[in-house]
Amino acid sequence: MPLVNSNERLQKLEKLVSVCRSLGTSADLESLLQTVVTASEDLTQSEVCAILLYEEETDLLRFVAGPVSRKQTSRRLRVPIDRSVAGLVYTQSKPAVILDASRDGRVRQDSESPLGVIIQSMVAVPLVFRGETIGVLETFNKRGGAYNEEDVIILETLAAQAAVATLSTLLMEETERAYEQVSELEKMKSEFIAVASHELRTPLGLILGHATFLSDAIQDTTQHHQLEVIIRSATRLKSIIEDLSNMNAYQQGKTTIRHRTIAISDWIPRVSAAFEEMARRKRIQISTRLSGASTTIEGDEEKLTIALGNLLSNALTFTNENGHVLIATENIPGYVKISVIDNGIGIPAKDLPRVFERFYQVQSHLTRRHGGMGLGLSVAKAMVELHNGQIWVESVEGRGSNFSILLPVKGGEGATKTPAFTE
């Protein structure tokens, strides 16, 4: 081979490598595709070049890059897939080389060339990314000779780069749009929860107030029982509304902590007492085993009561009649560990990693009948984490569960850093 040809090929290769490197530095898809078009024209000595992408809405190929002088015109034009060489290349995902367009019945001047040239010869190669064809790269009318295998290789290389850049950009844009939609939906959800919680509290308070008054005043056993059902149902609804409101406030970063000194030995019995009626109805015994009677923590008693209360409610809900629930505390240097232990139905091992997720419910014939929205444990987790604490669960299906909270004690090092404590 003559030295001049070797030098030309080397120069082409160097330019091709340079172009491919530059494509990785551009964040603008339009500029990137235009670079591919310009490089294709230059390296194959073609009169014009264009890139077409498949447009799902029209089922046509749309010009996305081409001669700068015809940019506005070509962008409005589409090429039919069933009546064009570009469509054939797109459909078959194979290159097409046409050396004499006047003798090739596949070439239709009207549909192939909205770029202002009369087609004499052309090469079209597919844009393929991970096995998916997304478009076509075309060059028209090679100057001073015929298209050859080297031209096809150059165009396939550039087409591969264009395909990667195009699909990556489109996927990124799609992801950004999805995030925007999710963000908007989250905003709408938060606004709905805030409004619904506010509007429901007043009528629900009236229902509870009047039902409680009537329950105290009426002596008839049947009517008294019916009023108890109303009160329990309204109380349950109130709990759901509070859970939704608390979780929404936590996610919005609007939750505030009112720090107070809390004596464990006084606080836990108060929380336990609030669930005595629920335990009595199910004939479940609640007991406490408190070590370190003088232990105190610093935090928001109302929010910590929500956390412990949700754990107690969960334990009572999923423990059968005549069962037992134990609230136990244990002193650990700088911390207090509070455990709610039941001998209920337990949690399947596959569900353990997800029990603290919002709206997650263990789906089994044993749990489905209890209903609920799957918010109680996620709210408990949020309230505990607001206090730089940890919460976790150990459970064996059919034998019971042990939910534990780890909280820093007042004046302890744990007030700023929580250890990775597990059992």
Protein backbone atom coordinates (compact mmCIF):
# COMPACT_ATOMS: atom_id res chain seq x y z
CA MET A 1 0.00 0.00 0.00
CA PRO A 2 1.34 3.48 -0.91
CA LEU A 3 2.69 5.51 1.96
CA VAL A 4 0.28 8.39 1.24
CA ASN A 5 -2.72 6.07 1.74
CA SER A 6 -1.27 4.76 5.01
CA ASN A 7 -0.80 8.31 6.25
CA GLU A 8 -4.34 9.24 5.26
CA ARG A 9 -5.74 6.24 7.10
CA LEU A 10 -3.64 7.02 10.16
CA GLN A 11 -4.86 10.62 10.13
CA LYS A 12 -8.47 9.45 9.81
CA LEU A 13 -8.00 7.04 12.70
CA GLU A 14 -6.46 9.73 14.89
CA LYS A 15 -9.31 12.12 14.07
CA LEU A 16 -11.90 9.42 14.73
CA VAL A 17 -10.37 8.70 18.14
CA SER A 18 -10.24 12.42 18.90
CA VAL A 19 -13.89 12.87 17.99
CA CYS A 20 -14.97 9.87 20.09
CA ARG A 21 -13.08 11.28 23.08
CA SER A 22 -14.68 14.69 22.66
CA LEU A 23 -18.15 13.17 22.58
CA GLY A 24 -17.73 12.02 26.17
CA THR A 25 -17.17 15.57 27.38
CA SER A 26 -20.33 17.17 25.96
CA ALA A 27 -23.46 17.32 28.10
CA ASP A 28 -25.60 18.85 25.35
CA LEU A 29 -27.15 16.22 23.09
CA GLU A 30 -27.80 18.57 20.18
CA SER A 31 -24.16 19.72 20.09
CA LEU A 32 -22.95 16.16 20.44
CA LEU A 33 -25.02 14.88 17.51
CA GLN A 34 -23.96 17.81 15.38
CA THR A 35 -20.34 16.90 16.13
CA VAL A 36 -21.03 13.36 14.90
CA VAL A 37 -22.60 14.73 11.70
CA THR A 38 -19.66 17.04 10.99
CA ALA A 39 -17.12 14.28 11.69
CA SER A 40 -19.00 11.84 9.44
CA GLU A 41 -19.00 14.29 6.54
CA ASP A 42 -15.31 15.02 7.01
CA LEU A 43 -14.02 11.47 7.53
CA THR A 44 -16.03 9.97 4.65
CA GLN A 45 -15.71 13.02 2.33
CA SER A 46 -19.49 13.17 1.96
CA GLU A 47 -21.58 16.08 0.72
CA VAL A 48 -24.05 15.94 3.64
CA CYS A 49 -24.80 13.78 6.62
CA ALA A 50 -27.83 13.40 8.89
CA ILE A 51 -28.97 11.57 12.01
CA LEU A 52 -32.54 10.33 12.37
CA LEU A 53 -34.15 8.96 15.54
CA TYR A 54 -37.26 6.83 15.82
CA GLU A 55 -40.28 8.81 16.99
CA GLU A 56 -42.76 6.56 18.77
CA GLU A 57 -45.63 9.06 18.60
CA THR A 58 -45.64 9.09 14.78
CA ASP A 59 -43.93 5.75 14.01
CA LEU A 60 -41.57 7.70 11.73
CA LEU A 61 -37.89 8.62 11.66
CA ARG A 62 -37.25 12.22 12.69
CA PHE A 63 -34.25 14.32 11.64
CA VAL A 64 -32.36 15.45 14.76
CA ALA A 65 -29.06 16.57 13.20
CA GLY A 66 -27.91 17.54 9.72
CA PRO A 67 -26.56 20.44 7.70
CA VAL A 68 -26.60 23.60 9.80
CA SER A 69 -27.94 25.59 6.83
CA ARG A 70 -31.07 23.42 6.73
CA LYS A 71 -31.46 22.91 10.47
CA GLN A 72 -34.89 24.51 10.88
CA THR A 73 -36.32 22.88 7.74
CA SER A 74 -35.06 19.35 8.38
CA ARG A 75 -36.22 19.28 12.03
CA ARG A 76 -39.85 19.53 10.88
CA LEU A 77 -39.54 16.63 8.44
CA ARG A 78 -40.10 12.92 8.99
CA VAL A 79 -39.05 9.86 6.96
CA PRO A 80 -41.39 6.87 6.56
CA ILE A 81 -40.01 3.58 7.77
CA ASP A 82 -41.65 1.44 5.09
CA ARG A 83 -40.61 3.59 2.10
CA SER A 84 -37.00 4.57 2.71
CA VAL A 85 -33.50 3.20 2.91
CA ALA A 86 -33.23 4.71 6.40
CA GLY A 87 -36.35 2.79 7.42
CA LEU A 88 -34.92 -0.43 6.01
CA VAL A 89 -31.68 0.06 7.95
CA TYR A 90 -33.64 0.87 11.11
CA THR A 91 -35.89 -2.17 10.74
CA GLN A 92 -33.17 -4.67 9.85
CA SER A 93 -30.47 -3.03 12.02
CA LYS A 94 -27.91 -3.56 9.23
CA PRO A 95 -25.87 -1.05 7.19
CA ALA A 96 -26.88 -0.23 3.60
CA VAL A 97 -24.38 0.93 0.97
CA ILE A 98 -25.75 2.35 -2.30
CA LEU A 99 -23.12 3.25 -4.87
CA ASP A 100 -25.47 4.36 -7.66
CA ALA A 101 -28.79 5.71 -6.46
CA SER A 102 -30.14 6.07 -10.01
CA ARG A 103 -30.07 2.29 -10.41
CA ASP A 104 -31.26 1.29 -6.97
CA GLY A 105 -35.03 1.01 -6.62
CA ARG A 106 -34.82 1.40 -2.85
CA VAL A 107 -33.86 5.08 -3.14
CA ARG A 108 -36.74 7.52 -3.33
CA GLN A 109 -35.55 11.05 -3.79
CA ASP A 110 -38.72 12.57 -2.33
CA SER A 111 -38.58 10.73 1.00
CA GLU A 112 -34.83 10.17 1.35
CA SER A 113 -33.48 13.64 0.83
CA PRO A 114 -35.14 16.60 2.49
CA LEU A 115 -31.60 17.93 2.88
CA GLY A 116 -31.40 19.78 -0.41
CA VAL A 117 -29.26 17.34 -2.40
CA ILE A 118 -29.90 14.95 -5.26
CA ILE A 119 -28.86 11.52 -4.01
CA GLN A 120 -26.15 9.91 -6.09
CA SER A 121 -24.74 7.51 -3.50
CA MET A 122 -25.29 6.93 0.19
CA VAL A 123 -24.41 4.90 3.27
CA ALA A 124 -26.80 4.36 6.14
CA VAL A 125 -25.87 2.62 9.40
CA PRO A 126 -28.06 1.90 12.45
CA LEU A 127 -27.67 3.57 15.86
CA VAL A 128 -27.66 0.60 18.22
CA PHE A 129 -27.38 0.65 22.00
CA ARG A 130 -27.45 -2.60 24.00
CA GLY A 131 -29.18 -4.42 21.18
CA GLU A 132 -31.83 -1.75 20.66
CA THR A 133 -31.89 0.22 17.40
CA ILE A 134 -32.89 3.82 18.09
CA GLY A 135 -32.08 5.57 14.81
CA VAL A 136 -29.98 5.86 11.68
CA LEU A 137 -26.84 7.76 10.59
CA GLU A 138 -26.79 8.61 6.86
CA THR A 139 -24.16 10.13 4.54
CA PHE A 140 -24.79 11.19 0.94
CA ASN A 141 -22.65 11.66 -2.18
CA LYS A 142 -19.00 10.80 -1.51
CA ARG A 143 -16.62 13.22 -3.19
CA GLY A 144 -13.93 11.86 -5.50
CA GLY A 145 -14.79 8.19 -5.36
CA ALA A 146 -17.12 5.48 -4.09
CA TYR A 147 -18.04 4.54 -0.56
CA ASN A 148 -15.98 1.62 0.75
CA GLU A 149 -15.75 -0.70 3.73
CA GLU A 150 -13.56 1.77 5.61
CA ASP A 151 -16.30 4.40 5.37
CA VAL A 152 -18.83 1.94 6.80
CA ILE A 153 -16.54 1.13 9.74
CA ILE A 154 -16.02 4.83 10.47
CA LEU A 155 -19.75 5.52 10.34
CA GLU A 156 -20.58 2.50 12.52
CA THR A 157 -18.07 3.71 15.11
CA LEU A 158 -19.56 7.20 15.16
CA ALA A 159 -23.10 5.79 15.16
CA ALA A 160 -22.29 3.67 18.21
CA GLN A 161 -21.03 6.76 20.05
CA ALA A 162 -24.10 8.73 19.03
CA ALA A 163 -26.41 5.92 20.17
CA VAL A 164 -24.80 5.73 23.61
CA ALA A 165 -24.93 9.48 24.06
CA THR A 166 -28.51 9.76 22.78
CA LEU A 167 -30.03 6.99 24.85
CA SER A 168 -28.09 7.99 27.94
CA THR A 169 -29.34 11.57 27.60
CA LEU A 170 -32.90 10.46 26.93
CA LEU A 171 -32.83 8.13 29.92
CA MET A 172 -31.44 10.91 32.08
CA GLU A 173 -34.15 13.29 30.91
CA GLU A 174 -36.78 10.64 31.54
CA THR A 175 -35.39 10.04 35.01
CA GLU A 176 -35.43 13.76 35.75
CA ARG A 177 -39.03 14.00 34.60
CA ALA A 178 -39.92 11.01 36.76
CA TYR A 179 -38.26 12.65 39.78
CA GLU A 180 -40.16 15.86 39.08
CA GLN A 181 -43.43 13.92 38.89
CA VAL A 182 -42.62 12.07 42.10
CA SER A 183 -41.73 15.35 43.78
CA GLU A 184 -44.99 16.90 42.64
CA LEU A 185 -46.95 13.86 43.80
CA GLU A 186 -45.18 13.98 47.17
CA LYS A 187 -46.10 17.65 47.48
CA MET A 188 -49.72 16.95 46.59
CA LYS A 189 -49.80 14.01 49.01
CA SER A 190 -48.38 16.11 51.83
CA GLU A 191 -50.85 18.91 51.18
CA PHE A 192 -53.73 16.43 51.07
CA ILE A 193 -52.68 14.76 54.33
CA ALA A 194 -52.28 18.13 56.04
CA VAL A 195 -55.70 19.36 54.90
CA ALA A 196 -57.46 16.04 55.52
CA SER A 197 -55.95 15.69 58.99
CA HIS A 198 -57.02 19.21 59.91
CA GLU A 199 -60.55 18.81 58.55
CA LEU A 200 -61.12 15.38 60.09
CA ARG A 201 -59.94 16.23 63.59
CA THR A 202 -62.88 18.50 64.46
CA PRO A 203 -65.78 16.19 63.48
CA LEU A 204 -63.93 13.19 64.88
CA GLY A 205 -63.44 15.00 68.18
CA LEU A 206 -67.16 15.75 68.30
CA ILE A 207 -68.02 12.12 67.59
CA LEU A 208 -65.73 10.90 70.37
CA GLY A 209 -66.93 13.55 72.81
CA HIS A 210 -70.63 12.92 72.30
CA ALA A 211 -70.25 9.13 72.16
CA THR A 212 -68.28 9.16 75.42
CA PHE A 213 -70.91 11.39 77.06
CA LEU A 214 -73.73 9.12 75.93
CA SER A 215 -71.81 6.03 77.05
CA ASP A 216 -71.53 7.45 80.56
CA ALA A 217 -75.20 8.51 80.64
CA ILE A 218 -76.94 5.49 79.11
CA GLN A 219 -77.56 2.45 81.28
CA ASP A 220 -79.02 0.15 78.62
CA THR A 221 -76.49 -2.65 78.07
CA THR A 222 -77.14 -3.06 74.33
CA GLN A 223 -76.90 0.64 73.59
CA HIS A 224 -73.83 0.93 75.82
CA HIS A 225 -72.13 -1.82 73.82
CA GLN A 226 -72.97 -0.10 70.54
CA LEU A 227 -71.51 3.16 71.83
CA GLU A 228 -68.31 1.35 72.82
CA VAL A 229 -67.99 0.13 69.23
CA ILE A 230 -68.36 3.73 68.01
CA ILE A 231 -65.78 4.98 70.50
CA ARG A 232 -63.27 2.24 69.63
CA SER A 233 -63.71 2.82 65.89
CA ALA A 234 -63.42 6.59 66.24
CA THR A 235 -60.34 6.18 68.44
CA ARG A 236 -58.79 3.91 65.84
CA LEU A 237 -59.53 6.47 63.12
CA LYS A 238 -58.01 9.20 65.29
CA SER A 239 -54.86 7.10 65.68
CA ILE A 240 -54.60 6.65 61.89
CA ILE A 241 -54.99 10.39 61.33
CA GLU A 242 -52.32 11.14 63.92
CA ASP A 243 -49.95 8.61 62.35
CA LEU A 244 -50.44 10.15 58.90
CA SER A 245 -49.94 13.65 60.28
CA ASN A 246 -46.85 12.72 62.30
CA MET A 247 -45.19 10.92 59.40
CA ASN A 248 -45.99 13.75 57.03
CA ALA A 249 -44.51 16.32 59.40
CA TYR A 250 -41.39 14.17 59.87
CA GLN A 251 -40.83 13.80 56.13
CA GLN A 252 -41.32 17.52 55.58
CA GLY A 253 -38.77 18.30 58.26
CA LYS A 254 -41.39 20.20 60.24
CA THR A 255 -41.22 18.11 63.40
CA THR A 256 -39.90 19.93 66.43
CA ILE A 257 -38.56 18.41 69.63
CA ARG A 258 -39.55 19.85 73.02
CA HIS A 259 -36.79 18.58 75.27
CA ARG A 260 -37.78 17.64 78.77
CA THR A 261 -36.32 15.31 81.38
CA ILE A 262 -38.23 12.02 81.34
CA ALA A 263 -38.00 9.52 84.20
CA ILE A 264 -38.23 6.05 82.73
CA SER A 265 -39.80 4.55 85.86
CA ASP A 266 -42.70 7.03 85.69
CA TRP A 267 -43.11 7.31 81.94
CA ILE A 268 -43.39 3.63 80.95
CA PRO A 269 -46.19 2.82 83.45
CA ARG A 270 -48.15 5.84 82.15
CA VAL A 271 -47.86 4.61 78.57
CA SER A 272 -48.74 1.06 79.62
CA ALA A 273 -51.82 2.21 81.52
CA ALA A 274 -53.27 3.76 78.37
CA PHE A 275 -53.45 0.27 76.80
CA GLU A 276 -54.98 -1.60 79.74
CA GLU A 277 -58.48 -1.47 78.26
CA MET A 278 -57.26 -2.83 74.92
CA ALA A 279 -55.39 -5.60 76.75
CA ARG A 280 -58.41 -6.37 78.94
CA ARG A 281 -60.68 -6.87 75.93
CA LYS A 282 -58.26 -9.45 74.51
CA ARG A 283 -57.44 -11.00 77.91
CA ILE A 284 -53.78 -10.16 77.39
CA GLN A 285 -51.54 -9.49 80.36
CA ILE A 286 -49.22 -6.47 80.20
CA SER A 287 -46.31 -6.51 82.63
CA THR A 288 -43.20 -4.40 83.13
CA ARG A 289 -39.66 -5.21 84.19
CA LEU A 290 -37.79 -1.98 84.77
CA SER A 291 -34.13 -1.96 85.70
CA GLY A 292 -32.43 1.23 86.78
CA ALA A 293 -35.38 2.97 88.42
CA SER A 294 -33.60 6.33 88.43
CA THR A 295 -32.74 6.32 84.70
CA THR A 296 -33.73 9.53 82.90
CA ILE A 297 -33.65 10.54 79.27
CA GLU A 298 -33.85 13.91 77.54
CA GLY A 299 -36.52 14.24 74.88
CA ASP A 300 -40.04 14.99 73.77
CA GLU A 301 -42.30 12.85 75.93
CA GLU A 302 -45.26 13.16 73.57
CA LYS A 303 -43.29 11.86 70.59
CA LEU A 304 -41.59 9.09 72.51
CA THR A 305 -45.02 8.10 73.85
CA ILE A 306 -46.21 7.81 70.25
CA ALA A 307 -43.27 5.50 69.49
CA LEU A 308 -43.70 3.24 72.52
CA GLY A 309 -47.48 3.37 72.19
CA ASN A 310 -47.34 2.20 68.59
CA LEU A 311 -45.11 -0.71 69.60
CA LEU A 312 -47.53 -1.66 72.39
CA SER A 313 -50.53 -1.35 70.08
CA ASN A 314 -48.75 -3.52 67.51
CA ALA A 315 -47.91 -6.15 70.15
CA LEU A 316 -51.48 -6.28 71.48
CA THR A 317 -52.95 -6.40 67.97
CA PHE A 318 -50.87 -9.39 66.91
CA THR A 319 -51.01 -11.34 70.16
CA ASN A 320 -53.85 -13.79 70.57
CA GLU A 321 -56.19 -13.91 73.54
CA ASN A 322 -54.66 -14.99 76.85
CA GLY A 323 -51.26 -13.92 75.59
CA HIS A 324 -48.63 -11.82 77.31
CA VAL A 325 -46.81 -8.56 76.52
CA LEU A 326 -43.74 -7.50 78.51
CA ILE A 327 -42.15 -4.03 78.58
CA ALA A 328 -38.56 -4.40 79.77
CA THR A 329 -35.74 -1.91 80.19
CA GLU A 330 -32.00 -2.48 80.36
CA ASN A 331 -29.25 -0.04 81.19
CA ILE A 332 -26.34 0.11 78.76
CA PRO A 333 -23.48 2.60 79.27
CA GLY A 334 -24.82 5.90 77.97
CA TYR A 335 -28.14 4.38 76.85
CA VAL A 336 -31.35 2.74 77.92
CA LYS A 337 -32.82 -0.13 75.95
CA ILE A 338 -36.60 -0.47 76.01
CA SER A 339 -38.07 -3.71 74.69
CA VAL A 340 -41.66 -4.66 73.95
CA ILE A 341 -41.82 -8.45 73.94
CA ASP A 342 -44.90 -10.49 73.02
CA ASN A 343 -45.74 -14.13 72.48
CA GLY A 344 -47.96 -13.39 69.50
CA ILE A 345 -48.02 -14.61 65.92
CA GLY A 346 -44.55 -13.30 65.05
CA ILE A 347 -43.23 -12.03 61.73
CA PRO A 348 -42.00 -14.14 58.79
CA ALA A 349 -38.24 -13.83 58.27
CA LYS A 350 -38.71 -12.47 54.73
CA ASP A 351 -40.74 -9.52 56.05
CA LEU A 352 -38.42 -8.48 58.88
CA PRO A 353 -36.25 -6.11 56.79
CA ARG A 354 -39.33 -4.14 55.69
CA VAL A 355 -41.58 -3.87 58.75
CA PHE A 356 -40.53 -0.25 59.41
CA GLU A 357 -41.34 0.91 55.86
CA ARG A 358 -44.28 3.22 55.31
CA PHE A 359 -47.52 1.43 54.42
CA TYR A 360 -45.82 -1.96 54.47
CA GLN A 361 -48.02 -4.74 55.81
CA VAL A 362 -47.09 -8.34 56.40
CA GLN A 363 -49.35 -10.31 54.11
CA SER A 364 -50.44 -13.60 55.61
CA HIS A 365 -53.67 -15.22 56.68
CA LEU A 366 -52.76 -14.42 60.29
CA THR A 367 -52.19 -10.68 59.82
CA ARG A 368 -54.58 -9.68 57.05
CA ARG A 369 -57.66 -9.77 59.27
CA HIS A 370 -56.20 -7.13 61.58
CA GLY A 371 -56.21 -4.41 58.89
CA GLY A 372 -54.43 -1.11 59.46
CA MET A 373 -52.44 1.14 57.14
CA GLY A 374 -48.95 -0.06 57.94
CA LEU A 375 -47.89 3.27 59.41
CA GLY A 376 -47.51 2.57 63.13
CA LEU A 377 -44.02 1.08 63.03
CA SER A 378 -42.70 3.61 60.52
CA VAL A 379 -43.96 6.43 62.75
CA ALA A 380 -42.32 4.79 65.78
CA LYS A 381 -39.04 4.61 63.87
CA ALA A 382 -39.29 8.28 62.89
CA MET A 383 -39.98 9.38 66.47
CA VAL A 384 -37.06 7.34 67.81
CA GLU A 385 -34.64 8.64 65.18
CA LEU A 386 -35.62 12.21 66.06
CA HIS A 387 -34.05 11.45 69.45
CA ASN A 388 -30.82 10.03 67.98
CA GLY A 389 -32.05 6.56 68.85
CA GLN A 390 -32.32 3.22 67.13
CA ILE A 391 -35.15 0.76 66.73
CA TRP A 392 -35.07 -2.84 65.55
CA VAL A 393 -37.01 -6.08 65.76
CA GLU A 394 -36.32 -9.74 66.35
CA SER A 395 -39.09 -12.20 65.66
CA VAL A 396 -39.84 -15.85 65.06
CA GLU A 397 -43.03 -16.65 63.18
CA GLY A 398 -45.51 -18.37 65.46
CA ARG A 399 -43.56 -17.58 68.64
CA GLY A 400 -43.64 -13.80 69.03
CA SER A 401 -41.69 -10.59 68.50
CA ASN A 402 -39.25 -8.39 70.39
CA PHE A 403 -39.21 -4.73 69.34
CA SER A 404 -36.39 -2.76 70.94
CA ILE A 405 -35.64 0.95 71.24
CA LEU A 406 -32.22 2.32 72.17
CA LEU A 407 -32.21 5.88 73.54
CA PRO A 408 -29.36 7.98 74.95
CA VAL A 409 -29.73 8.69 78.66
CA LYS A 410 -29.60 12.24 79.97
CA GLY A 411 -26.03 13.50 80.05
CA GLY A 412 -24.68 10.43 78.24
CA GLU A 413 -22.38 10.41 75.20
CA GLY A 414 -25.16 8.86 73.19
CA ALA A 415 -26.88 12.24 72.94
CA THR A 416 -24.74 12.97 69.89
CA LYS A 417 -23.81 9.56 68.57
CA THR A 418 -25.73 6.30 68.60
CA PRO A 419 -23.77 3.02 68.52
CA ALA A 420 -24.55 0.27 66.09
CA PHE A 421 -26.25 -1.82 68.75
CA THR A 422 -27.88 -5.11 67.83
CA GLU A 423 -28.47 -8.38 69.47
